[in-house]
Amino acid sequence: MRAILGFGLESFLYVPVYAGNVLSTINFLRDLPVFDEVATTTGQIHAAALASKGEIS
């Protein structure tokens, strides 16, 4: 965690890729500002697109 903070990344958004069970997560990191509802929804759309493939390689 210290290494991540050392890069100036202070906002974290973890989105599960779910297709019946959790296949993986997408981890978004950035400096401030924090992630808003639009960014969260965008992350969920990306996760759903990955989940539709049924597997993560």
PDB file of N, CA and C in Angstrom:
ATOM      1  N   MET A   1       0.823  -1.192   0.000  1.00  0.00           N
ATOM      2  CA  MET A   1       0.000   0.000   0.000  1.00  0.00           C
ATOM      3  C   MET A   1       0.865   1.252   0.000  1.00  0.00           C
ATOM      4  N   ARG A   2       1.964   1.230   0.734  1.00  0.00           N
ATOM      5  CA  ARG A   2       2.844   2.401   0.770  1.00  0.00           C
ATOM      6  C   ARG A   2       3.404   2.713  -0.603  1.00  0.00           C
ATOM      7  N   ALA A   3       3.719   1.659  -1.376  1.00  0.00           N
ATOM      8  CA  ALA A   3       4.254   1.881  -2.721  1.00  0.00           C
ATOM      9  C   ALA A   3       3.231   2.582  -3.596  1.00  0.00           C
ATOM     10  N   ILE A   4       1.985   2.170  -3.496  1.00  0.00           N
ATOM     11  CA  ILE A   4       0.919   2.795  -4.289  1.00  0.00           C
ATOM     12  C   ILE A   4       0.761   4.248  -3.889  1.00  0.00           C
ATOM     13  N   LEU A   5       0.712   4.504  -2.609  1.00  0.00           N
ATOM     14  CA  LEU A   5       0.591   5.882  -2.135  1.00  0.00           C
ATOM     15  C   LEU A   5       1.818   6.697  -2.529  1.00  0.00           C
ATOM     16  N   GLY A   6       2.973   6.055  -2.592  1.00  0.00           N
ATOM     17  CA  GLY A   6       4.192   6.725  -2.992  1.00  0.00           C
ATOM     18  C   GLY A   6       4.152   7.237  -4.422  1.00  0.00           C
ATOM     19  N   PHE A   7       3.331   6.614  -5.258  1.00  0.00           N
ATOM     20  CA  PHE A   7       3.147   7.079  -6.631  1.00  0.00           C
ATOM     21  C   PHE A   7       2.116   8.198  -6.719  1.00  0.00           C
ATOM     22  N   GLY A   8       1.550   8.581  -5.586  1.00  0.00           N
ATOM     23  CA  GLY A   8       0.549   9.645  -5.576  1.00  0.00           C
ATOM     24  C   GLY A   8      -0.860   9.161  -5.882  1.00  0.00           C
ATOM     25  N   LEU A   9      -1.063   7.854  -5.859  1.00  0.00           N
ATOM     26  CA  LEU A   9      -2.385   7.285  -6.131  1.00  0.00           C
ATOM     27  C   LEU A   9      -3.152   7.208  -4.823  1.00  0.00           C
ATOM     28  N   GLU A  10      -4.205   7.996  -4.733  1.00  0.00           N
ATOM     29  CA  GLU A  10      -4.958   8.088  -3.485  1.00  0.00           C
ATOM     30  C   GLU A  10      -6.425   7.702  -3.632  1.00  0.00           C
ATOM     31  N   SER A  11      -6.887   7.483  -4.865  1.00  0.00           N
ATOM     32  CA  SER A  11      -8.268   7.070  -5.095  1.00  0.00           C
ATOM     33  C   SER A  11      -8.256   5.663  -5.663  1.00  0.00           C
ATOM     34  N   PHE A  12      -9.080   4.796  -5.092  1.00  0.00           N
ATOM     35  CA  PHE A  12      -9.119   3.401  -5.475  1.00  0.00           C
ATOM     36  C   PHE A  12     -10.554   3.004  -5.787  1.00  0.00           C
ATOM     37  N   LEU A  13     -10.724   2.257  -6.870  1.00  0.00           N
ATOM     38  CA  LEU A  13     -12.032   1.718  -7.220  1.00  0.00           C
ATOM     39  C   LEU A  13     -11.808   0.272  -7.644  1.00  0.00           C
ATOM     40  N   TYR A  14     -12.368  -0.663  -6.895  1.00  0.00           N
ATOM     41  CA  TYR A  14     -12.239  -2.077  -7.184  1.00  0.00           C
ATOM     42  C   TYR A  14     -13.600  -2.582  -7.654  1.00  0.00           C
ATOM     43  N   VAL A  15     -13.646  -3.101  -8.889  1.00  0.00           N
ATOM     44  CA  VAL A  15     -14.908  -3.553  -9.482  1.00  0.00           C
ATOM     45  C   VAL A  15     -14.800  -5.049  -9.752  1.00  0.00           C
ATOM     46  N   PRO A  16     -15.679  -5.852  -9.152  1.00  0.00           N
ATOM     47  CA  PRO A  16     -15.626  -7.286  -9.423  1.00  0.00           C
ATOM     48  C   PRO A  16     -16.131  -7.605 -10.827  1.00  0.00           C
ATOM     49  N   VAL A  17     -15.478  -8.570 -11.463  1.00  0.00           N
ATOM     50  CA  VAL A  17     -15.947  -9.124 -12.735  1.00  0.00           C
ATOM     51  C   VAL A  17     -16.687 -10.396 -12.348  1.00  0.00           C
ATOM     52  N   TYR A  18     -17.997 -10.355 -12.477  1.00  0.00           N
ATOM     53  CA  TYR A  18     -18.860 -11.395 -11.927  1.00  0.00           C
ATOM     54  C   TYR A  18     -19.654 -12.066 -13.036  1.00  0.00           C
ATOM     55  N   ALA A  19     -19.534 -13.387 -13.138  1.00  0.00           N
ATOM     56  CA  ALA A  19     -20.324 -14.174 -14.088  1.00  0.00           C
ATOM     57  C   ALA A  19     -20.713 -15.469 -13.387  1.00  0.00           C
ATOM     58  N   GLY A  20     -21.673 -15.359 -12.470  1.00  0.00           N
ATOM     59  CA  GLY A  20     -22.061 -16.500 -11.656  1.00  0.00           C
ATOM     60  C   GLY A  20     -21.191 -16.626 -10.412  1.00  0.00           C
ATOM     61  N   ASN A  21     -19.954 -16.273 -10.553  1.00  0.00           N
ATOM     62  CA  ASN A  21     -19.009 -16.159  -9.440  1.00  0.00           C
ATOM     63  C   ASN A  21     -17.994 -15.086  -9.829  1.00  0.00           C
ATOM     64  N   VAL A  22     -17.207 -14.673  -8.899  1.00  0.00           N
ATOM     65  CA  VAL A  22     -16.235 -13.622  -9.188  1.00  0.00           C
ATOM     66  C   VAL A  22     -15.072 -14.231  -9.973  1.00  0.00           C
ATOM     67  N   LEU A  23     -14.880 -13.726 -11.196  1.00  0.00           N
ATOM     68  CA  LEU A  23     -13.790 -14.194 -12.041  1.00  0.00           C
ATOM     69  C   LEU A  23     -12.489 -13.453 -11.735  1.00  0.00           C
ATOM     70  N   SER A  24     -12.645 -12.166 -11.409  1.00  0.00           N
ATOM     71  CA  SER A  24     -11.493 -11.309 -11.175  1.00  0.00           C
ATOM     72  C   SER A  24     -11.996  -9.969 -10.656  1.00  0.00           C
ATOM     73  N   THR A  25     -11.104  -9.017 -10.526  1.00  0.00           N
ATOM     74  CA  THR A  25     -11.492  -7.638 -10.247  1.00  0.00           C
ATOM     75  C   THR A  25     -10.719  -6.728 -11.187  1.00  0.00           C
ATOM     76  N   ILE A  26     -11.322  -5.585 -11.465  1.00  0.00           N
ATOM     77  CA  ILE A  26     -10.621  -4.517 -12.169  1.00  0.00           C
ATOM     78  C   ILE A  26     -10.283  -3.491 -11.100  1.00  0.00           C
ATOM     79  N   ASN A  27      -9.037  -3.116 -11.050  1.00  0.00           N
ATOM     80  CA  ASN A  27      -8.567  -2.168 -10.042  1.00  0.00           C
ATOM     81  C   ASN A  27      -8.199  -0.861 -10.724  1.00  0.00           C
ATOM     82  N   PHE A  28      -8.953   0.176 -10.429  1.00  0.00           N
ATOM     83  CA  PHE A  28      -8.676   1.504 -10.959  1.00  0.00           C
ATOM     84  C   PHE A  28      -8.006   2.312  -9.849  1.00  0.00           C
ATOM     85  N   LEU A  29      -6.905   2.934 -10.179  1.00  0.00           N
ATOM     86  CA  LEU A  29      -6.192   3.765  -9.208  1.00  0.00           C
ATOM     87  C   LEU A  29      -5.835   5.084  -9.882  1.00  0.00           C
ATOM     88  N   ARG A  30      -5.902   6.161  -9.122  1.00  0.00           N
ATOM     89  CA  ARG A  30      -5.510   7.465  -9.645  1.00  0.00           C
ATOM     90  C   ARG A  30      -5.282   8.414  -8.486  1.00  0.00           C
ATOM     91  N   ASP A  31      -4.772   9.589  -8.851  1.00  0.00           N
ATOM     92  CA  ASP A  31      -4.640  10.615  -7.821  1.00  0.00           C
ATOM     93  C   ASP A  31      -6.028  11.190  -7.558  1.00  0.00           C
ATOM     94  N   LEU A  32      -6.109  12.150  -6.733  1.00  0.00           N
ATOM     95  CA  LEU A  32      -7.410  12.754  -6.431  1.00  0.00           C
ATOM     96  C   LEU A  32      -7.937  13.482  -7.650  1.00  0.00           C
ATOM     97  N   PRO A  33      -9.210  13.649  -7.866  1.00  0.00           N
ATOM     98  CA  PRO A  33     -10.315  13.449  -6.939  1.00  0.00           C
ATOM     99  C   PRO A  33     -10.754  11.987  -6.865  1.00  0.00           C
ATOM    100  N   VAL A  34     -11.607  11.717  -5.901  1.00  0.00           N
ATOM    101  CA  VAL A  34     -12.122  10.368  -5.729  1.00  0.00           C
ATOM    102  C   VAL A  34     -13.008  10.015  -6.918  1.00  0.00           C
ATOM    103  N   PHE A  35     -13.242   8.731  -7.101  1.00  0.00           N
ATOM    104  CA  PHE A  35     -14.106   8.269  -8.187  1.00  0.00           C
ATOM    105  C   PHE A  35     -15.556   8.644  -7.882  1.00  0.00           C
ATOM    106  N   ASP A  36     -16.242   9.144  -8.889  1.00  0.00           N
ATOM    107  CA  ASP A  36     -17.642   9.532  -8.721  1.00  0.00           C
ATOM    108  C   ASP A  36     -18.557   8.440  -9.288  1.00  0.00           C
ATOM    109  N   GLU A  37     -19.841   8.708  -9.289  1.00  0.00           N
ATOM    110  CA  GLU A  37     -20.817   7.719  -9.750  1.00  0.00           C
ATOM    111  C   GLU A  37     -20.628   7.380 -11.230  1.00  0.00           C
ATOM    112  N   VAL A  38     -20.269   8.371 -12.038  1.00  0.00           N
ATOM    113  CA  VAL A  38     -20.050   8.125 -13.468  1.00  0.00           C
ATOM    114  C   VAL A  38     -18.874   7.174 -13.662  1.00  0.00           C
ATOM    115  N   ALA A  39     -17.783   7.397 -12.945  1.00  0.00           N
ATOM    116  CA  ALA A  39     -16.618   6.518 -13.054  1.00  0.00           C
ATOM    117  C   ALA A  39     -16.952   5.116 -12.561  1.00  0.00           C
ATOM    118  N   THR A  40     -17.723   5.024 -11.505  1.00  0.00           N
ATOM    119  CA  THR A  40     -18.127   3.719 -10.978  1.00  0.00           C
ATOM    120  C   THR A  40     -18.969   2.963 -12.002  1.00  0.00           C
ATOM    121  N   THR A  41     -19.913   3.654 -12.618  1.00  0.00           N
ATOM    122  CA  THR A  41     -20.758   3.034 -13.637  1.00  0.00           C
ATOM    123  C   THR A  41     -19.920   2.591 -14.830  1.00  0.00           C
ATOM    124  N   THR A  42     -18.964   3.409 -15.245  1.00  0.00           N
ATOM    125  CA  THR A  42     -18.085   3.051 -16.349  1.00  0.00           C
ATOM    126  C   THR A  42     -17.289   1.793 -16.008  1.00  0.00           C
ATOM    127  N   GLY A  43     -16.788   1.707 -14.786  1.00  0.00           N
ATOM    128  CA  GLY A  43     -16.078   0.509 -14.351  1.00  0.00           C
ATOM    129  C   GLY A  43     -16.960  -0.720 -14.395  1.00  0.00           C
ATOM    130  N   GLN A  44     -18.213  -0.567 -13.995  1.00  0.00           N
ATOM    131  CA  GLN A  44     -19.153  -1.690 -14.016  1.00  0.00           C
ATOM    132  C   GLN A  44     -19.446  -2.138 -15.443  1.00  0.00           C
ATOM    133  N   ILE A  45     -19.507  -1.191 -16.367  1.00  0.00           N
ATOM    134  CA  ILE A  45     -19.731  -1.541 -17.780  1.00  0.00           C
ATOM    135  C   ILE A  45     -18.548  -2.340 -18.318  1.00  0.00           C
ATOM    136  N   HIS A  46     -17.342  -1.914 -17.988  1.00  0.00           N
ATOM    137  CA  HIS A  46     -16.153  -2.653 -18.420  1.00  0.00           C
ATOM    138  C   HIS A  46     -16.132  -4.048 -17.800  1.00  0.00           C
ATOM    139  N   ALA A  47     -16.484  -4.158 -16.545  1.00  0.00           N
ATOM    140  CA  ALA A  47     -16.520  -5.453 -15.871  1.00  0.00           C
ATOM    141  C   ALA A  47     -17.552  -6.377 -16.528  1.00  0.00           C
ATOM    142  N   ALA A  48     -18.708  -5.825 -16.876  1.00  0.00           N
ATOM    143  CA  ALA A  48     -19.751  -6.626 -17.524  1.00  0.00           C
ATOM    144  C   ALA A  48     -19.282  -7.114 -18.898  1.00  0.00           C
ATOM    145  N   ALA A  49     -18.564  -6.275 -19.616  1.00  0.00           N
ATOM    146  CA  ALA A  49     -18.038  -6.683 -20.921  1.00  0.00           C
ATOM    147  C   ALA A  49     -17.054  -7.832 -20.768  1.00  0.00           C
ATOM    148  N   LEU A  50     -16.176  -7.754 -19.767  1.00  0.00           N
ATOM    149  CA  LEU A  50     -15.253  -8.855 -19.517  1.00  0.00           C
ATOM    150  C   LEU A  50     -15.982 -10.123 -19.080  1.00  0.00           C
ATOM    151  N   ALA A  51     -16.987  -9.940 -18.221  1.00  0.00           N
ATOM    152  CA  ALA A  51     -17.743 -11.094 -17.713  1.00  0.00           C
ATOM    153  C   ALA A  51     -18.472 -11.818 -18.838  1.00  0.00           C
ATOM    154  N   SER A  52     -18.901 -11.077 -19.858  1.00  0.00           N
ATOM    155  CA  SER A  52     -19.643 -11.701 -20.956  1.00  0.00           C
ATOM    156  C   SER A  52     -18.774 -12.688 -21.728  1.00  0.00           C
ATOM    157  N   LYS A  53     -17.454 -12.563 -21.597  1.00  0.00           N
ATOM    158  CA  LYS A  53     -16.545 -13.525 -22.239  1.00  0.00           C
ATOM    159  C   LYS A  53     -16.516 -14.839 -21.473  1.00  0.00           C
ATOM    160  N   GLY A  54     -16.897 -14.800 -20.187  1.00  0.00           N
ATOM    161  CA  GLY A  54     -16.993 -16.018 -19.393  1.00  0.00           C
ATOM    162  C   GLY A  54     -15.707 -16.483 -18.753  1.00  0.00           C
ATOM    163  N   GLU A  55     -14.577 -15.941 -19.194  1.00  0.00           N
ATOM    164  CA  GLU A  55     -13.306 -16.299 -18.574  1.00  0.00           C
ATOM    165  C   GLU A  55     -12.331 -15.148 -18.751  1.00  0.00           C
ATOM    166  N   ILE A  56     -11.407 -15.068 -17.849  1.00  0.00           N
ATOM    167  CA  ILE A  56     -10.379 -14.033 -17.876  1.00  0.00           C
ATOM    168  C   ILE A  56      -9.050 -14.754 -18.065  1.00  0.00           C
ATOM    169  N   SER A  57      -8.295 -14.345 -19.054  1.00  0.00           N
ATOM    170  CA  SER A  57      -6.987 -15.002 -19.243  1.00  0.00           C
ATOM    171  C   SER A  57      -5.863 -14.009 -19.092  1.00  0.00           C
TER     172      SER A  57
END
